C-alpha atoms as a PDB file:
ATOM      1  CA  MET A   1      50.098  66.347 105.105  1.00  0.00           C
ATOM      2  CA  LYS A   2      50.178  69.090 102.621  1.00  0.00           C
ATOM      3  CA  LEU A   3      49.165  72.652 103.563  1.00  0.00           C
ATOM      4  CA  LEU A   4      48.259  75.167 100.876  1.00  0.00           C
ATOM      5  CA  LEU A   5      50.524  78.250 101.684  1.00  0.00           C
ATOM      6  CA  HIS A   6      50.527  80.117  98.318  1.00  0.00           C
ATOM      7  CA  PRO A   7      47.436  79.883  96.022  1.00  0.00           C
ATOM      8  CA  LEU A   8      47.781  79.895  92.301  1.00  0.00           C
ATOM      9  CA  PRO A   9      47.079  83.704  91.880  1.00  0.00           C
ATOM     10  CA  ILE A  10      49.812  84.665  94.340  1.00  0.00           C
ATOM     11  CA  ARG A  11      52.240  82.267  92.612  1.00  0.00           C
ATOM     12  CA  LEU A  12      51.350  83.688  89.272  1.00  0.00           C
ATOM     13  CA  CYS A  13      51.761  87.237  90.349  1.00  0.00           C
ATOM     14  CA  HIS A  14      54.951  86.606  92.168  1.00  0.00           C
ATOM     15  CA  TRP A  15      56.736  84.996  89.157  1.00  0.00           C
ATOM     16  CA  VAL A  16      55.279  87.442  86.781  1.00  0.00           C
ATOM     17  CA  MET A  17      56.649  90.328  88.893  1.00  0.00           C
ATOM     18  CA  PHE A  18      60.062  88.578  89.209  1.00  0.00           C
ATOM     19  CA  SER A  19      60.318  88.008  85.543  1.00  0.00           C
ATOM     20  CA  SER A  20      59.230  91.516  84.639  1.00  0.00           C
ATOM     21  CA  VAL A  21      61.686  93.150  87.124  1.00  0.00           C
ATOM     22  CA  ILE A  22      64.689  91.038  85.733  1.00  0.00           C
ATOM     23  CA  VAL A  23      63.932  92.086  82.211  1.00  0.00           C
ATOM     24  CA  LEU A  24      63.291  95.641  83.161  1.00  0.00           C
ATOM     25  CA  LEU A  25      66.570  95.814  84.973  1.00  0.00           C
ATOM     26  CA  PHE A  26      68.427  94.235  82.100  1.00  0.00           C
ATOM     27  CA  THR A  27      66.954  96.437  79.280  1.00  0.00           C
ATOM     28  CA  GLY A  28      66.912  99.617  81.539  1.00  0.00           C
ATOM     29  CA  LEU A  29      70.599  99.332  82.200  1.00  0.00           C
ATOM     30  CA  TYR A  30      71.263  98.418  78.669  1.00  0.00           C
ATOM     31  CA  MET A  31      69.511 101.619  77.392  1.00  0.00           C
ATOM     32  CA  ASP A  32      71.484 103.634  79.849  1.00  0.00           C
ATOM     33  CA  HIS A  33      74.945 102.165  78.968  1.00  0.00           C
ATOM     34  CA  PRO A  34      74.902  99.611  76.160  1.00  0.00           C
ATOM     35  CA  TRP A  35      77.429  96.760  76.675  1.00  0.00           C
ATOM     36  CA  SER A  36      80.275  96.408  73.965  1.00  0.00           C
ATOM     37  CA  LEU A  37      80.122  92.607  74.289  1.00  0.00           C
ATOM     38  CA  VAL A  38      76.300  92.361  73.613  1.00  0.00           C
ATOM     39  CA  GLN A  39      74.950  94.180  70.576  1.00  0.00           C
ATOM     40  CA  LEU A  40      71.024  94.486  70.593  1.00  0.00           C
ATOM     41  CA  PRO A  41      68.784  96.620  68.553  1.00  0.00           C
ATOM     42  CA  MET A  42      68.023  99.728  70.715  1.00  0.00           C
ATOM     43  CA  GLU A  43      64.568  99.997  69.246  1.00  0.00           C
ATOM     44  CA  ALA A  44      63.683  96.509  70.149  1.00  0.00           C
ATOM     45  CA  VAL A  45      65.259  96.914  73.701  1.00  0.00           C
ATOM     46  CA  ARG A  46      63.078 100.020  74.249  1.00  0.00           C
ATOM     47  CA  LYS A  47      59.913  98.313  73.076  1.00  0.00           C
ATOM     48  CA  THR A  48      60.629  95.257  75.296  1.00  0.00           C
ATOM     49  CA  HIS A  49      61.193  97.622  78.388  1.00  0.00           C
ATOM     50  CA  THR A  50      57.861  99.409  77.614  1.00  0.00           C
ATOM     51  CA  PHE A  51      55.952  96.122  77.021  1.00  0.00           C
ATOM     52  CA  PHE A  52      57.251  94.677  80.414  1.00  0.00           C
ATOM     53  CA  SER A  53      56.533  97.924  82.245  1.00  0.00           C
ATOM     54  CA  SER A  54      52.963  97.577  81.224  1.00  0.00           C
ATOM     55  CA  ILE A  55      52.962  93.769  82.379  1.00  0.00           C
ATOM     56  CA  LEU A  56      54.535  95.023  85.749  1.00  0.00           C
ATOM     57  CA  ILE A  57      51.710  97.564  86.357  1.00  0.00           C
ATOM     58  CA  VAL A  58      48.896  95.198  85.326  1.00  0.00           C
ATOM     59  CA  ASN A  59      50.320  92.618  87.686  1.00  0.00           C
ATOM     60  CA  LEU A  60      50.558  95.018  90.529  1.00  0.00           C
ATOM     61  CA  LEU A  61      46.922  96.003  90.105  1.00  0.00           C
ATOM     62  CA  SER A  62      45.971  92.176  89.857  1.00  0.00           C
ATOM     63  CA  HIS A  63      47.998  91.490  93.016  1.00  0.00           C
ATOM     64  CA  LEU A  64      46.316  94.266  95.011  1.00  0.00           C
ATOM     65  CA  TYR A  65      42.845  93.374  93.758  1.00  0.00           C
ATOM     66  CA  TYR A  66      43.413  89.703  94.889  1.00  0.00           C
ATOM     67  CA  TYR A  67      44.443  90.724  98.432  1.00  0.00           C
ATOM     68  CA  ILE A  68      41.764  93.317  98.763  1.00  0.00           C
ATOM     69  CA  TYR A  69      39.100  90.899  97.412  1.00  0.00           C
ATOM     70  CA  THR A  70      40.177  88.103  99.797  1.00  0.00           C
ATOM     71  CA  ASN A  71      40.606  90.538 102.641  1.00  0.00           C
ATOM     72  CA  LYS A  72      44.264  89.613 103.126  1.00  0.00           C
ATOM     73  CA  ILE A  73      45.968  92.859 102.539  1.00  0.00           C
ATOM     74  CA  PRO A  74      47.351  93.031 106.087  1.00  0.00           C
ATOM     75  CA  GLU A  75      49.359  89.840 105.373  1.00  0.00           C
ATOM     76  CA  ILE A  76      51.705  91.629 102.892  1.00  0.00           C
ATOM     77  CA  LEU A  77      51.628  95.346 103.984  1.00  0.00           C
ATOM     78  CA  ILE A  78      53.550  96.433 107.042  1.00  0.00           C
ATOM     79  CA  LEU A  79      51.346  98.062 109.474  1.00  0.00           C
ATOM     80  CA  PRO A  80      51.912  99.991 112.791  1.00  0.00           C
ATOM     81  CA  ARG A  81      51.204  96.891 114.792  1.00  0.00           C
ATOM     82  CA  ASP A  82      53.991  94.915 112.916  1.00  0.00           C
ATOM     83  CA  TRP A  83      56.738  97.345 114.137  1.00  0.00           C
ATOM     84  CA  VAL A  84      56.337  95.878 117.722  1.00  0.00           C
ATOM     85  CA  ASN A  85      57.846  92.552 116.181  1.00  0.00           C
ATOM     86  CA  VAL A  86      60.739  94.311 114.551  1.00  0.00           C
ATOM     87  CA  PRO A  87      63.300  93.958 117.585  1.00  0.00           C
ATOM     88  CA  SER A  88      62.582  90.274 117.804  1.00  0.00           C
ATOM     89  CA  PHE A  89      62.795  89.725 114.118  1.00  0.00           C
ATOM     90  CA  ILE A  90      66.085  91.498 114.055  1.00  0.00           C
ATOM     91  CA  ARG A  91      67.456  89.398 116.780  1.00  0.00           C
ATOM     92  CA  TYR A  92      66.452  86.283 114.959  1.00  0.00           C
ATOM     93  CA  VAL A  93      67.745  87.265 111.541  1.00  0.00           C
ATOM     94  CA  PHE A  94      71.159  88.077 113.043  1.00  0.00           C
ATOM     95  CA  PHE A  95      71.184  84.803 115.086  1.00  0.00           C
ATOM     96  CA  ILE A  96      71.099  86.659 118.471  1.00  0.00           C
ATOM     97  CA  SER A  97      68.043  84.619 119.693  1.00  0.00           C
ATOM     98  CA  GLU A  98      67.489  80.913 118.632  1.00  0.00           C
ATOM     99  CA  GLY A  99      63.682  80.847 118.947  1.00  0.00           C
ATOM    100  CA  HIS A 100      61.571  81.480 115.884  1.00  0.00           C
ATOM    101  CA  PRO A 101      59.021  84.087 116.478  1.00  0.00           C
ATOM    102  CA  ASN A 102      55.555  83.444 115.214  1.00  0.00           C
ATOM    103  CA  PHE A 103      55.035  86.417 112.675  1.00  0.00           C
ATOM    104  CA  GLY A 104      52.331  84.791 110.713  1.00  0.00           C
ATOM    105  CA  ARG A 105      52.541  84.289 106.992  1.00  0.00           C
ATOM    106  CA  TYR A 106      55.353  86.735 106.423  1.00  0.00           C
ATOM    107  CA  ASN A 107      57.803  88.340 108.756  1.00  0.00           C
ATOM    108  CA  PRO A 108      58.185  92.121 109.280  1.00  0.00           C
ATOM    109  CA  GLY A 109      61.069  92.285 106.971  1.00  0.00           C
ATOM    110  CA  GLN A 110      59.257  90.483 104.076  1.00  0.00           C
ATOM    111  CA  LYS A 111      56.256  92.789 104.784  1.00  0.00           C
ATOM    112  CA  LEU A 112      58.535  95.983 104.586  1.00  0.00           C
ATOM    113  CA  ILE A 113      59.964  94.770 101.263  1.00  0.00           C
ATOM    114  CA  PHE A 114      56.651  93.957  99.827  1.00  0.00           C
ATOM    115  CA  THR A 115      55.237  97.423 100.867  1.00  0.00           C
ATOM    116  CA  LEU A 116      58.311  99.133  99.431  1.00  0.00           C
ATOM    117  CA  TRP A 117      58.013  97.188  96.138  1.00  0.00           C
ATOM    118  CA  PHE A 118      54.419  98.363  95.764  1.00  0.00           C
ATOM    119  CA  ILE A 119      55.460 101.929  96.256  1.00  0.00           C
ATOM    120  CA  ALA A 120      58.645 101.576  94.031  1.00  0.00           C
ATOM    121  CA  VAL A 121      56.523 100.095  91.079  1.00  0.00           C
ATOM    122  CA  ILE A 122      54.230 103.052  91.332  1.00  0.00           C
ATOM    123  CA  ILE A 123      57.215 105.621  91.428  1.00  0.00           C
ATOM    124  CA  ALA A 124      58.798 103.690  88.481  1.00  0.00           C
ATOM    125  CA  ALA A 125      55.568 103.675  86.488  1.00  0.00           C
ATOM    126  CA  ILE A 126      55.022 107.405  86.895  1.00  0.00           C
ATOM    127  CA  THR A 127      58.637 108.438  86.194  1.00  0.00           C
ATOM    128  CA  GLY A 128      58.860 106.004  83.275  1.00  0.00           C
ATOM    129  CA  SER A 129      55.697 107.360  81.782  1.00  0.00           C
ATOM    130  CA  THR A 130      56.922 110.934  82.300  1.00  0.00           C
ATOM    131  CA  MET A 131      60.077 110.141  80.309  1.00  0.00           C
ATOM    132  CA  LEU A 132      58.361 108.128  77.730  1.00  0.00           C
ATOM    133  CA  TYR A 133      55.888 110.953  76.979  1.00  0.00           C
ATOM    134  CA  SER A 134      58.174 113.883  77.913  1.00  0.00           C
ATOM    135  CA  GLY A 135      56.609 116.284  75.479  1.00  0.00           C
ATOM    136  CA  SER A 136      53.278 116.174  77.327  1.00  0.00           C
ATOM    137  CA  SER A 137      54.438 115.883  80.875  1.00  0.00           C
ATOM    138  CA  GLN A 138      56.283 119.090  81.207  1.00  0.00           C
ATOM    139  CA  TRP A 139      54.151 120.258  84.033  1.00  0.00           C
ATOM    140  CA  LEU A 140      55.189 117.341  86.103  1.00  0.00           C
ATOM    141  CA  GLN A 141      58.826 117.900  85.196  1.00  0.00           C
ATOM    142  CA  TRP A 142      58.560 121.474  86.327  1.00  0.00           C
ATOM    143  CA  LYS A 143      57.133 120.440  89.622  1.00  0.00           C
ATOM    144  CA  VAL A 144      59.920 117.916  90.604  1.00  0.00           C
ATOM    145  CA  GLY A 145      62.753 119.914  89.376  1.00  0.00           C
ATOM    146  CA  GLY A 146      63.194 118.900  85.717  1.00  0.00           C
ATOM    147  CA  LEU A 147      63.659 115.716  83.651  1.00  0.00           C
ATOM    148  CA  HIS A 148      66.983 114.811  85.148  1.00  0.00           C
ATOM    149  CA  VAL A 149      65.327 114.488  88.596  1.00  0.00           C
ATOM    150  CA  ILE A 150      62.719 112.149  86.963  1.00  0.00           C
ATOM    151  CA  ARG A 151      65.530 110.137  85.435  1.00  0.00           C
ATOM    152  CA  MET A 152      67.247 109.998  88.738  1.00  0.00           C
ATOM    153  CA  LEU A 153      64.207 108.726  90.596  1.00  0.00           C
ATOM    154  CA  HIS A 154      63.604 106.224  88.025  1.00  0.00           C
ATOM    155  CA  TYR A 155      67.183 104.854  88.166  1.00  0.00           C
ATOM    156  CA  SER A 156      66.861 104.763  91.992  1.00  0.00           C
ATOM    157  CA  MET A 157      63.897 102.500  91.787  1.00  0.00           C
ATOM    158  CA  ALA A 158      65.940 100.167  89.554  1.00  0.00           C
ATOM    159  CA  ILE A 159      68.888 100.258  92.147  1.00  0.00           C
ATOM    160  CA  PHE A 160      66.392  99.379  94.876  1.00  0.00           C
ATOM    161  CA  PHE A 161      64.841  96.504  93.120  1.00  0.00           C
ATOM    162  CA  ALA A 162      68.403  95.202  92.320  1.00  0.00           C
ATOM    163  CA  MET A 163      69.408  95.454  95.920  1.00  0.00           C
ATOM    164  CA  SER A 164      66.214  94.118  97.491  1.00  0.00           C
ATOM    165  CA  ILE A 165      65.971  90.946  95.569  1.00  0.00           C
ATOM    166  CA  PRO A 166      69.091  89.374  97.276  1.00  0.00           C
ATOM    167  CA  LEU A 167      67.651  90.538 100.631  1.00  0.00           C
ATOM    168  CA  HIS A 168      64.273  89.054  99.916  1.00  0.00           C
ATOM    169  CA  ILE A 169      65.856  85.696  99.050  1.00  0.00           C
ATOM    170  CA  TYR A 170      68.003  85.865 102.305  1.00  0.00           C
ATOM    171  CA  LEU A 171      64.689  86.475 104.370  1.00  0.00           C
ATOM    172  CA  VAL A 172      62.933  83.593 102.650  1.00  0.00           C
ATOM    173  CA  PHE A 173      65.694  81.276 103.699  1.00  0.00           C
ATOM    174  CA  THR A 174      65.873  82.729 107.101  1.00  0.00           C
ATOM    175  CA  GLU A 175      62.116  82.208 107.631  1.00  0.00           C
ATOM    176  CA  SER A 176      61.873  78.732 106.147  1.00  0.00           C
ATOM    177  CA  PRO A 177      63.440  77.216 103.045  1.00  0.00           C
ATOM    178  CA  ALA A 178      60.243  75.256 102.592  1.00  0.00           C
ATOM    179  CA  ASN A 179      58.440  78.523 101.753  1.00  0.00           C
ATOM    180  CA  LEU A 180      60.452  78.647  98.600  1.00  0.00           C
ATOM    181  CA  GLN A 181      59.274  75.364  97.395  1.00  0.00           C
ATOM    182  CA  ALA A 182      55.754  76.384  98.259  1.00  0.00           C
ATOM    183  CA  MET A 183      56.132  79.285  95.654  1.00  0.00           C
ATOM    184  CA  PHE A 184      56.653  76.697  93.107  1.00  0.00           C
ATOM    185  CA  THR A 185      54.139  74.005  94.190  1.00  0.00           C
ATOM    186  CA  GLY A 186      51.833  76.108  96.343  1.00  0.00           C
ATOM    187  CA  TYR A 187      52.020  73.544  99.112  1.00  0.00           C
ATOM    188  CA  ILE A 188      54.281  72.943 102.345  1.00  0.00           C
ATOM    189  CA  HIS A 189      54.581  69.723 104.112  1.00  0.00           C
ATOM    190  CA  LYS A 190      53.335  70.314 107.552  1.00  0.00           C
ATOM    191  CA  GLU A 191      55.092  67.239 109.060  1.00  0.00           C
ATOM    192  CA  MET A 192      58.414  68.629 107.717  1.00  0.00           C
ATOM    193  CA  GLU A 193      57.895  71.919 109.378  1.00  0.00           C
ATOM    194  CA  VAL A 194      56.970  70.370 112.709  1.00  0.00           C
ATOM    195  CA  GLU A 195      60.024  68.019 112.511  1.00  0.00           C
ATOM    196  CA  SER A 196      62.242  70.922 111.750  1.00  0.00           C
ATOM    197  CA  LYS A 197      61.151  72.912 114.775  1.00  0.00           C
ATOM    198  CA  THR A 198      61.532  69.624 116.881  1.00  0.00           C
ATOM    199  CA  ASN A 199      65.073  69.381 115.751  1.00  0.00           C
ATOM    200  CA  GLU A 200      65.905  72.827 116.402  1.00  0.00           C
ATOM    201  CA  SER A 201      64.612  72.413 120.036  1.00  0.00           C
ATOM    202  CA  LYS A 202      66.838  69.322 120.388  1.00  0.00           C
ATOM    203  CA  ASP A 203      69.848  71.175 119.062  1.00  0.00           C
ATOM    204  CA  VAL A 204      69.201  74.015 121.707  1.00  0.00           C
ATOM    205  CA  LEU A 205      68.915  71.397 124.562  1.00  0.00           C
ATOM    206  CA  SER A 206      72.106  69.611 123.496  1.00  0.00           C
END
């Protein structure tokens, strides 16, 4: 029996965000420090970076609109009630406990990453726009301590995304490898999930 886990809008937003972040990391790091082995037109790299920045912002707004419209925003944002599950989640992730807690669609770690990603995109959008229109954003530069602070914040968001992607993949496989397949097809085989849990119980008993 197939169970719909990730509807089409969620899958589209997920892969658009993933693709945009990868392109933005590549073009951003290249603009900061061009690689000698790869010679690319800097103007084309800048335009590509700006284009995918716009895509990322529109994708974020679409993502938020979908979750607000379907009243599912608590599924992806970490809330005060989710912090109660953090100790059991940490024990499970570090293989201290063998039982799989029922966190719902996403575990607290994934929710925390999703929440931080939304915040990081907003910060990156503001700092990127400030650098792009540096001549007309001097009031913001003055408030935060100068253009170099804006650049540092923007660079920090890039480092955050580069570090959190492997963590996100690890959490996906820790939760259930079938969830990764569902991000491509949308569906998860319910029998496989039940069988997997049954096998885990047998392993514990043995």
